[in-house]
Amino acid sequence: MTQHTQQHSTWLAAHEAEVSADDLWVHYYSVGGNVGAFELEAYLHGMYPLPVRERNTIALALNELIDDLPQRRKAEFMDGPEQD
């Protein structure tokens, strides 16, 4: 998986679950995320690259929010070396 693939899967999952960037950021921050709301929204739209740790924390936060909804697509985690 590439950084772009992970970002796109996260955007799709958030879009389909109708999770706003603001709601995602609040939960992301509560689970230890380190980037601001503006950067997170820019990442979701593919305009701001983030390190693997932050991307995985966003995926974790989004998946936790989605777990409370009816069955939806989930964001993908990246493991191993990045393949750009």
PDB file of N, CA and C in Angstrom:
ATOM      1  N   MET A   1       0.848  -1.172   0.000  1.00  0.00           N
ATOM      2  CA  MET A   1       0.000   0.000   0.000  1.00  0.00           C
ATOM      3  C   MET A   1       0.894   1.235   0.000  1.00  0.00           C
ATOM      4  N   THR A   2       0.435   2.261  -0.678  1.00  0.00           N
ATOM      5  CA  THR A   2       1.162   3.521  -0.707  1.00  0.00           C
ATOM      6  C   THR A   2       0.490   4.528   0.220  1.00  0.00           C
ATOM      7  N   GLN A   3       1.179   5.633   0.442  1.00  0.00           N
ATOM      8  CA  GLN A   3       0.607   6.719   1.245  1.00  0.00           C
ATOM      9  C   GLN A   3      -0.696   7.196   0.603  1.00  0.00           C
ATOM     10  N   HIS A   4      -0.689   7.318  -0.725  1.00  0.00           N
ATOM     11  CA  HIS A   4      -1.892   7.787  -1.429  1.00  0.00           C
ATOM     12  C   HIS A   4      -3.052   6.805  -1.253  1.00  0.00           C
ATOM     13  N   THR A   5      -2.763   5.512  -1.350  1.00  0.00           N
ATOM     14  CA  THR A   5      -3.808   4.502  -1.193  1.00  0.00           C
ATOM     15  C   THR A   5      -4.436   4.589   0.189  1.00  0.00           C
ATOM     16  N   GLN A   6      -3.592   4.745   1.218  1.00  0.00           N
ATOM     17  CA  GLN A   6      -4.105   4.846   2.580  1.00  0.00           C
ATOM     18  C   GLN A   6      -4.943   6.115   2.740  1.00  0.00           C
ATOM     19  N   GLN A   7      -4.439   7.224   2.228  1.00  0.00           N
ATOM     20  CA  GLN A   7      -5.182   8.491   2.331  1.00  0.00           C
ATOM     21  C   GLN A   7      -6.532   8.362   1.641  1.00  0.00           C
ATOM     22  N   HIS A   8      -6.542   7.787   0.447  1.00  0.00           N
ATOM     23  CA  HIS A   8      -7.794   7.675  -0.303  1.00  0.00           C
ATOM     24  C   HIS A   8      -8.786   6.748   0.399  1.00  0.00           C
ATOM     25  N   SER A   9      -8.299   5.648   0.963  1.00  0.00           N
ATOM     26  CA  SER A   9      -9.209   4.738   1.676  1.00  0.00           C
ATOM     27  C   SER A   9      -9.804   5.427   2.902  1.00  0.00           C
ATOM     28  N   THR A  10      -9.016   6.278   3.541  1.00  0.00           N
ATOM     29  CA  THR A  10      -9.504   7.017   4.704  1.00  0.00           C
ATOM     30  C   THR A  10     -10.570   8.023   4.275  1.00  0.00           C
ATOM     31  N   TRP A  11     -10.302   8.740   3.192  1.00  0.00           N
ATOM     32  CA  TRP A  11     -11.292   9.697   2.691  1.00  0.00           C
ATOM     33  C   TRP A  11     -12.595   8.989   2.320  1.00  0.00           C
ATOM     34  N   LEU A  12     -12.492   7.860   1.599  1.00  0.00           N
ATOM     35  CA  LEU A  12     -13.686   7.109   1.216  1.00  0.00           C
ATOM     36  C   LEU A  12     -14.486   6.655   2.428  1.00  0.00           C
ATOM     37  N   ALA A  13     -13.789   6.111   3.410  1.00  0.00           N
ATOM     38  CA  ALA A  13     -14.473   5.614   4.603  1.00  0.00           C
ATOM     39  C   ALA A  13     -15.171   6.750   5.341  1.00  0.00           C
ATOM     40  N   ALA A  14     -14.493   7.884   5.497  1.00  0.00           N
ATOM     41  CA  ALA A  14     -15.100   9.030   6.186  1.00  0.00           C
ATOM     42  C   ALA A  14     -16.289   9.558   5.395  1.00  0.00           C
ATOM     43  N   HIS A  15     -16.134   9.640   4.083  1.00  0.00           N
ATOM     44  CA  HIS A  15     -17.204  10.151   3.225  1.00  0.00           C
ATOM     45  C   HIS A  15     -18.432   9.243   3.300  1.00  0.00           C
ATOM     46  N   GLU A  16     -18.219   7.942   3.149  1.00  0.00           N
ATOM     47  CA  GLU A  16     -19.346   7.004   3.161  1.00  0.00           C
ATOM     48  C   GLU A  16     -20.027   6.938   4.527  1.00  0.00           C
ATOM     49  N   ALA A  17     -19.250   7.117   5.600  1.00  0.00           N
ATOM     50  CA  ALA A  17     -19.819   7.077   6.947  1.00  0.00           C
ATOM     51  C   ALA A  17     -20.385   8.431   7.363  1.00  0.00           C
ATOM     52  N   GLU A  18     -20.167   9.453   6.509  1.00  0.00           N
ATOM     53  CA  GLU A  18     -20.620  10.816   6.798  1.00  0.00           C
ATOM     54  C   GLU A  18     -20.024  11.343   8.100  1.00  0.00           C
ATOM     55  N   VAL A  19     -18.732  11.035   8.311  1.00  0.00           N
ATOM     56  CA  VAL A  19     -17.998  11.540   9.462  1.00  0.00           C
ATOM     57  C   VAL A  19     -17.299  12.823   9.022  1.00  0.00           C
ATOM     58  N   SER A  20     -17.582  13.924   9.686  1.00  0.00           N
ATOM     59  CA  SER A  20     -16.972  15.201   9.311  1.00  0.00           C
ATOM     60  C   SER A  20     -15.513  15.241   9.749  1.00  0.00           C
ATOM     61  N   ALA A  21     -14.747  16.083   9.086  1.00  0.00           N
ATOM     62  CA  ALA A  21     -13.339  16.252   9.451  1.00  0.00           C
ATOM     63  C   ALA A  21     -13.227  16.757  10.885  1.00  0.00           C
ATOM     64  N   ASP A  22     -14.131  17.622  11.307  1.00  0.00           N
ATOM     65  CA  ASP A  22     -14.093  18.145  12.679  1.00  0.00           C
ATOM     66  C   ASP A  22     -14.341  17.041  13.701  1.00  0.00           C
ATOM     67  N   ASP A  23     -15.357  16.208  13.450  1.00  0.00           N
ATOM     68  CA  ASP A  23     -15.635  15.107  14.381  1.00  0.00           C
ATOM     69  C   ASP A  23     -14.473  14.119  14.412  1.00  0.00           C
ATOM     70  N   LEU A  24     -13.918  13.839  13.236  1.00  0.00           N
ATOM     71  CA  LEU A  24     -12.769  12.932  13.175  1.00  0.00           C
ATOM     72  C   LEU A  24     -11.597  13.518  13.939  1.00  0.00           C
ATOM     73  N   TRP A  25     -11.325  14.812  13.746  1.00  0.00           N
ATOM     74  CA  TRP A  25     -10.190  15.421  14.422  1.00  0.00           C
ATOM     75  C   TRP A  25     -10.344  15.342  15.939  1.00  0.00           C
ATOM     76  N   VAL A  26     -11.511  15.613  16.475  1.00  0.00           N
ATOM     77  CA  VAL A  26     -11.726  15.559  17.924  1.00  0.00           C
ATOM     78  C   VAL A  26     -11.385  14.165  18.446  1.00  0.00           C
ATOM     79  N   HIS A  27     -11.870  13.138  17.767  1.00  0.00           N
ATOM     80  CA  HIS A  27     -11.591  11.772  18.235  1.00  0.00           C
ATOM     81  C   HIS A  27     -10.129  11.414  18.014  1.00  0.00           C
ATOM     82  N   TYR A  28      -9.571  11.805  16.880  1.00  0.00           N
ATOM     83  CA  TYR A  28      -8.151  11.574  16.574  1.00  0.00           C
ATOM     84  C   TYR A  28      -7.265  12.199  17.658  1.00  0.00           C
ATOM     85  N   TYR A  29      -7.559  13.419  18.014  1.00  0.00           N
ATOM     86  CA  TYR A  29      -6.779  14.106  19.045  1.00  0.00           C
ATOM     87  C   TYR A  29      -6.909  13.385  20.389  1.00  0.00           C
ATOM     88  N   SER A  30      -8.102  12.885  20.685  1.00  0.00           N
ATOM     89  CA  SER A  30      -8.322  12.210  21.973  1.00  0.00           C
ATOM     90  C   SER A  30      -7.582  10.879  22.079  1.00  0.00           C
ATOM     91  N   VAL A  31      -7.226  10.282  20.929  1.00  0.00           N
ATOM     92  CA  VAL A  31      -6.477   9.020  20.971  1.00  0.00           C
ATOM     93  C   VAL A  31      -4.986   9.231  20.736  1.00  0.00           C
ATOM     94  N   GLY A  32      -4.532  10.487  20.797  1.00  0.00           N
ATOM     95  CA  GLY A  32      -3.096  10.761  20.746  1.00  0.00           C
ATOM     96  C   GLY A  32      -2.584  11.365  19.460  1.00  0.00           C
ATOM     97  N   GLY A  33      -3.470  11.818  18.582  1.00  0.00           N
ATOM     98  CA  GLY A  33      -3.033  12.451  17.339  1.00  0.00           C
ATOM     99  C   GLY A  33      -2.322  13.762  17.603  1.00  0.00           C
ATOM    100  N   ASN A  34      -1.396  14.111  16.712  1.00  0.00           N
ATOM    101  CA  ASN A  34      -0.555  15.288  16.939  1.00  0.00           C
ATOM    102  C   ASN A  34      -0.702  16.410  15.918  1.00  0.00           C
ATOM    103  N   VAL A  35      -1.512  16.233  14.875  1.00  0.00           N
ATOM    104  CA  VAL A  35      -1.647  17.313  13.900  1.00  0.00           C
ATOM    105  C   VAL A  35      -2.943  18.078  14.150  1.00  0.00           C
ATOM    106  N   GLY A  36      -2.976  19.295  13.671  1.00  0.00           N
ATOM    107  CA  GLY A  36      -4.146  20.137  13.869  1.00  0.00           C
ATOM    108  C   GLY A  36      -5.299  19.770  12.949  1.00  0.00           C
ATOM    109  N   ALA A  37      -6.447  20.363  13.227  1.00  0.00           N
ATOM    110  CA  ALA A  37      -7.655  20.089  12.453  1.00  0.00           C
ATOM    111  C   ALA A  37      -7.485  20.485  10.984  1.00  0.00           C
ATOM    112  N   PHE A  38      -6.814  21.589  10.729  1.00  0.00           N
ATOM    113  CA  PHE A  38      -6.593  22.049   9.351  1.00  0.00           C
ATOM    114  C   PHE A  38      -5.757  21.040   8.575  1.00  0.00           C
ATOM    115  N   GLU A  39      -4.677  20.550   9.202  1.00  0.00           N
ATOM    116  CA  GLU A  39      -3.801  19.585   8.547  1.00  0.00           C
ATOM    117  C   GLU A  39      -4.522  18.264   8.298  1.00  0.00           C
ATOM    118  N   LEU A  40      -5.347  17.838   9.266  1.00  0.00           N
ATOM    119  CA  LEU A  40      -6.091  16.601   9.090  1.00  0.00           C
ATOM    120  C   LEU A  40      -7.052  16.720   7.911  1.00  0.00           C
ATOM    121  N   GLU A  41      -7.758  17.828   7.816  1.00  0.00           N
ATOM    122  CA  GLU A  41      -8.686  18.016   6.698  1.00  0.00           C
ATOM    123  C   GLU A  41      -7.935  18.064   5.375  1.00  0.00           C
ATOM    124  N   ALA A  42      -6.799  18.741   5.341  1.00  0.00           N
ATOM    125  CA  ALA A  42      -5.990  18.788   4.117  1.00  0.00           C
ATOM    126  C   ALA A  42      -5.502  17.390   3.749  1.00  0.00           C
ATOM    127  N   TYR A  43      -5.122  16.580   4.735  1.00  0.00           N
ATOM    128  CA  TYR A  43      -4.718  15.195   4.482  1.00  0.00           C
ATOM    129  C   TYR A  43      -5.861  14.405   3.860  1.00  0.00           C
ATOM    130  N   LEU A  44      -7.056  14.542   4.416  1.00  0.00           N
ATOM    131  CA  LEU A  44      -8.205  13.806   3.885  1.00  0.00           C
ATOM    132  C   LEU A  44      -8.434  14.109   2.405  1.00  0.00           C
ATOM    133  N   HIS A  45      -8.149  15.327   1.998  1.00  0.00           N
ATOM    134  CA  HIS A  45      -8.358  15.734   0.609  1.00  0.00           C
ATOM    135  C   HIS A  45      -7.119  15.538  -0.258  1.00  0.00           C
ATOM    136  N   GLY A  46      -6.107  14.858   0.298  1.00  0.00           N
ATOM    137  CA  GLY A  46      -4.915  14.533  -0.473  1.00  0.00           C
ATOM    138  C   GLY A  46      -3.965  15.685  -0.707  1.00  0.00           C
ATOM    139  N   MET A  47      -4.077  16.736   0.098  1.00  0.00           N
ATOM    140  CA  MET A  47      -3.257  17.923  -0.114  1.00  0.00           C
ATOM    141  C   MET A  47      -2.149  18.100   0.927  1.00  0.00           C
ATOM    142  N   TYR A  48      -2.045  17.180   1.902  1.00  0.00           N
ATOM    143  CA  TYR A  48      -1.056  17.345   2.961  1.00  0.00           C
ATOM    144  C   TYR A  48      -0.569  15.960   3.379  1.00  0.00           C
ATOM    145  N   PRO A  49       0.668  15.614   3.040  1.00  0.00           N
ATOM    146  CA  PRO A  49       1.177  14.299   3.420  1.00  0.00           C
ATOM    147  C   PRO A  49       1.475  14.238   4.920  1.00  0.00           C
ATOM    148  N   LEU A  50       1.238  13.076   5.497  1.00  0.00           N
ATOM    149  CA  LEU A  50       1.509  12.865   6.918  1.00  0.00           C
ATOM    150  C   LEU A  50       2.373  11.629   7.090  1.00  0.00           C
ATOM    151  N   PRO A  51       3.122  11.568   8.196  1.00  0.00           N
ATOM    152  CA  PRO A  51       3.903  10.363   8.484  1.00  0.00           C
ATOM    153  C   PRO A  51       2.988   9.162   8.757  1.00  0.00           C
ATOM    154  N   VAL A  52       3.515   7.975   8.589  1.00  0.00           N
ATOM    155  CA  VAL A  52       2.747   6.744   8.781  1.00  0.00           C
ATOM    156  C   VAL A  52       2.060   6.728  10.137  1.00  0.00           C
ATOM    157  N   ARG A  53       2.752   7.116  11.204  1.00  0.00           N
ATOM    158  CA  ARG A  53       2.157   7.081  12.549  1.00  0.00           C
ATOM    159  C   ARG A  53       0.884   7.912  12.615  1.00  0.00           C
ATOM    160  N   GLU A  54       0.913   9.108  12.054  1.00  0.00           N
ATOM    161  CA  GLU A  54      -0.271   9.971  12.089  1.00  0.00           C
ATOM    162  C   GLU A  54      -1.387   9.420  11.204  1.00  0.00           C
ATOM    163  N   ARG A  55      -1.019   8.892  10.034  1.00  0.00           N
ATOM    164  CA  ARG A  55      -2.032   8.296   9.161  1.00  0.00           C
ATOM    165  C   ARG A  55      -2.706   7.118   9.839  1.00  0.00           C
ATOM    166  N   ASN A  56      -1.917   6.299  10.525  1.00  0.00           N
ATOM    167  CA  ASN A  56      -2.492   5.150  11.229  1.00  0.00           C
ATOM    168  C   ASN A  56      -3.354   5.595  12.405  1.00  0.00           C
ATOM    169  N   THR A  57      -2.979   6.669  13.083  1.00  0.00           N
ATOM    170  CA  THR A  57      -3.787   7.180  14.192  1.00  0.00           C
ATOM    171  C   THR A  57      -5.114   7.729  13.666  1.00  0.00           C
ATOM    172  N   ILE A  58      -5.083   8.376  12.507  1.00  0.00           N
ATOM    173  CA  ILE A  58      -6.320   8.852  11.891  1.00  0.00           C
ATOM    174  C   ILE A  58      -7.198   7.658  11.526  1.00  0.00           C
ATOM    175  N   ALA A  59      -6.604   6.627  10.931  1.00  0.00           N
ATOM    176  CA  ALA A  59      -7.361   5.424  10.565  1.00  0.00           C
ATOM    177  C   ALA A  59      -7.981   4.781  11.804  1.00  0.00           C
ATOM    178  N   LEU A  60      -7.217   4.702  12.884  1.00  0.00           N
ATOM    179  CA  LEU A  60      -7.727   4.138  14.137  1.00  0.00           C
ATOM    180  C   LEU A  60      -8.926   4.940  14.642  1.00  0.00           C
ATOM    181  N   ALA A  61      -8.771   6.260  14.705  1.00  0.00           N
ATOM    182  CA  ALA A  61      -9.850   7.116  15.199  1.00  0.00           C
ATOM    183  C   ALA A  61     -11.091   6.993  14.318  1.00  0.00           C
ATOM    184  N   LEU A  62     -10.901   7.001  13.010  1.00  0.00           N
ATOM    185  CA  LEU A  62     -12.030   6.888  12.096  1.00  0.00           C
ATOM    186  C   LEU A  62     -12.716   5.534  12.252  1.00  0.00           C
ATOM    187  N   ASN A  63     -11.933   4.475  12.329  1.00  0.00           N
ATOM    188  CA  ASN A  63     -12.528   3.145  12.472  1.00  0.00           C
ATOM    189  C   ASN A  63     -13.300   3.010  13.779  1.00  0.00           C
ATOM    190  N   GLU A  64     -12.821   3.626  14.845  1.00  0.00           N
ATOM    191  CA  GLU A  64     -13.566   3.603  16.105  1.00  0.00           C
ATOM    192  C   GLU A  64     -14.898   4.328  15.968  1.00  0.00           C
ATOM    193  N   LEU A  65     -14.894   5.457  15.267  1.00  0.00           N
ATOM    194  CA  LEU A  65     -16.153   6.172  15.038  1.00  0.00           C
ATOM    195  C   LEU A  65     -17.098   5.345  14.169  1.00  0.00           C
ATOM    196  N   ILE A  66     -16.549   4.695  13.165  1.00  0.00           N
ATOM    197  CA  ILE A  66     -17.362   3.879  12.263  1.00  0.00           C
ATOM    198  C   ILE A  66     -17.922   2.659  12.987  1.00  0.00           C
ATOM    199  N   ASP A  67     -17.179   2.117  13.941  1.00  0.00           N
ATOM    200  CA  ASP A  67     -17.656   0.951  14.692  1.00  0.00           C
ATOM    201  C   ASP A  67     -18.991   1.221  15.378  1.00  0.00           C
ATOM    202  N   ASP A  68     -19.267   2.473  15.681  1.00  0.00           N
ATOM    203  CA  ASP A  68     -20.525   2.838  16.329  1.00  0.00           C
ATOM    204  C   ASP A  68     -21.676   3.005  15.338  1.00  0.00           C
ATOM    205  N   LEU A  69     -21.376   2.894  14.049  1.00  0.00           N
ATOM    206  CA  LEU A  69     -22.382   3.045  12.993  1.00  0.00           C
ATOM    207  C   LEU A  69     -22.722   1.676  12.408  1.00  0.00           C
ATOM    208  N   PRO A  70     -23.786   1.612  11.606  1.00  0.00           N
ATOM    209  CA  PRO A  70     -24.022   0.363  10.863  1.00  0.00           C
ATOM    210  C   PRO A  70     -22.807   0.033   9.994  1.00  0.00           C
ATOM    211  N   GLN A  71     -22.698  -1.211   9.549  1.00  0.00           N
ATOM    212  CA  GLN A  71     -21.535  -1.688   8.782  1.00  0.00           C
ATOM    213  C   GLN A  71     -21.121  -0.695   7.694  1.00  0.00           C
ATOM    214  N   ARG A  72     -19.851  -0.277   7.692  1.00  0.00           N
ATOM    215  CA  ARG A  72     -19.312   0.671   6.706  1.00  0.00           C
ATOM    216  C   ARG A  72     -17.903   0.244   6.307  1.00  0.00           C
ATOM    217  N   ARG A  73     -17.406   0.842   5.218  1.00  0.00           N
ATOM    218  CA  ARG A  73     -16.011   0.656   4.814  1.00  0.00           C
ATOM    219  C   ARG A  73     -15.116   1.251   5.895  1.00  0.00           C
ATOM    220  N   LYS A  74     -13.959   0.638   6.137  1.00  0.00           N
ATOM    221  CA  LYS A  74     -13.018   1.153   7.123  1.00  0.00           C
ATOM    222  C   LYS A  74     -11.733   1.602   6.441  1.00  0.00           C
ATOM    223  N   ALA A  75     -11.010   2.514   7.098  1.00  0.00           N
ATOM    224  CA  ALA A  75      -9.728   2.983   6.602  1.00  0.00           C
ATOM    225  C   ALA A  75      -8.678   1.895   6.795  1.00  0.00           C
ATOM    226  N   GLU A  76      -7.696   1.877   5.908  1.00  0.00           N
ATOM    227  CA  GLU A  76      -6.651   0.863   5.959  1.00  0.00           C
ATOM    228  C   GLU A  76      -5.453   1.345   6.775  1.00  0.00           C
ATOM    229  N   PHE A  77      -4.821   0.402   7.467  1.00  0.00           N
ATOM    230  CA  PHE A  77      -3.582   0.666   8.188  1.00  0.00           C
ATOM    231  C   PHE A  77      -2.424   0.304   7.275  1.00  0.00           C
ATOM    232  N   MET A  78      -1.270   0.905   7.502  1.00  0.00           N
ATOM    233  CA  MET A  78      -0.075   0.582   6.749  1.00  0.00           C
ATOM    234  C   MET A  78       0.881  -0.143   7.672  1.00  0.00           C
ATOM    235  N   ASP A  79       1.402  -1.251   7.199  1.00  0.00           N
ATOM    236  CA  ASP A  79       2.445  -1.949   7.943  1.00  0.00           C
ATOM    237  C   ASP A  79       3.578  -2.232   6.995  1.00  0.00           C
ATOM    238  N   GLY A  80       4.765  -2.249   7.505  1.00  0.00           N
ATOM    239  CA  GLY A  80       5.929  -2.477   6.658  1.00  0.00           C
ATOM    240  C   GLY A  80       6.376  -1.190   5.991  1.00  0.00           C
ATOM    241  N   PRO A  81       7.363  -1.307   5.101  1.00  0.00           N
ATOM    242  CA  PRO A  81       7.921  -0.110   4.459  1.00  0.00           C
ATOM    243  C   PRO A  81       6.943   0.508   3.475  1.00  0.00           C
ATOM    244  N   GLU A  82       7.063   1.803   3.320  1.00  0.00           N
ATOM    245  CA  GLU A  82       6.215   2.553   2.412  1.00  0.00           C
ATOM    246  C   GLU A  82       6.648   2.290   0.980  1.00  0.00           C
ATOM    247  N   GLN A  83       5.685   2.192   0.068  1.00  0.00           N
ATOM    248  CA  GLN A  83       5.970   1.899  -1.330  1.00  0.00           C
ATOM    249  C   GLN A  83       5.428   3.011  -2.212  1.00  0.00           C
ATOM    250  N   ASP A  84       6.174   4.074  -2.394  1.00  0.00           N
ATOM    251  CA  ASP A  84       5.703   5.174  -3.253  1.00  0.00           C
ATOM    252  C   ASP A  84       6.151   5.013  -4.656  1.00  0.00           C
TER     253      ASP A  84
END
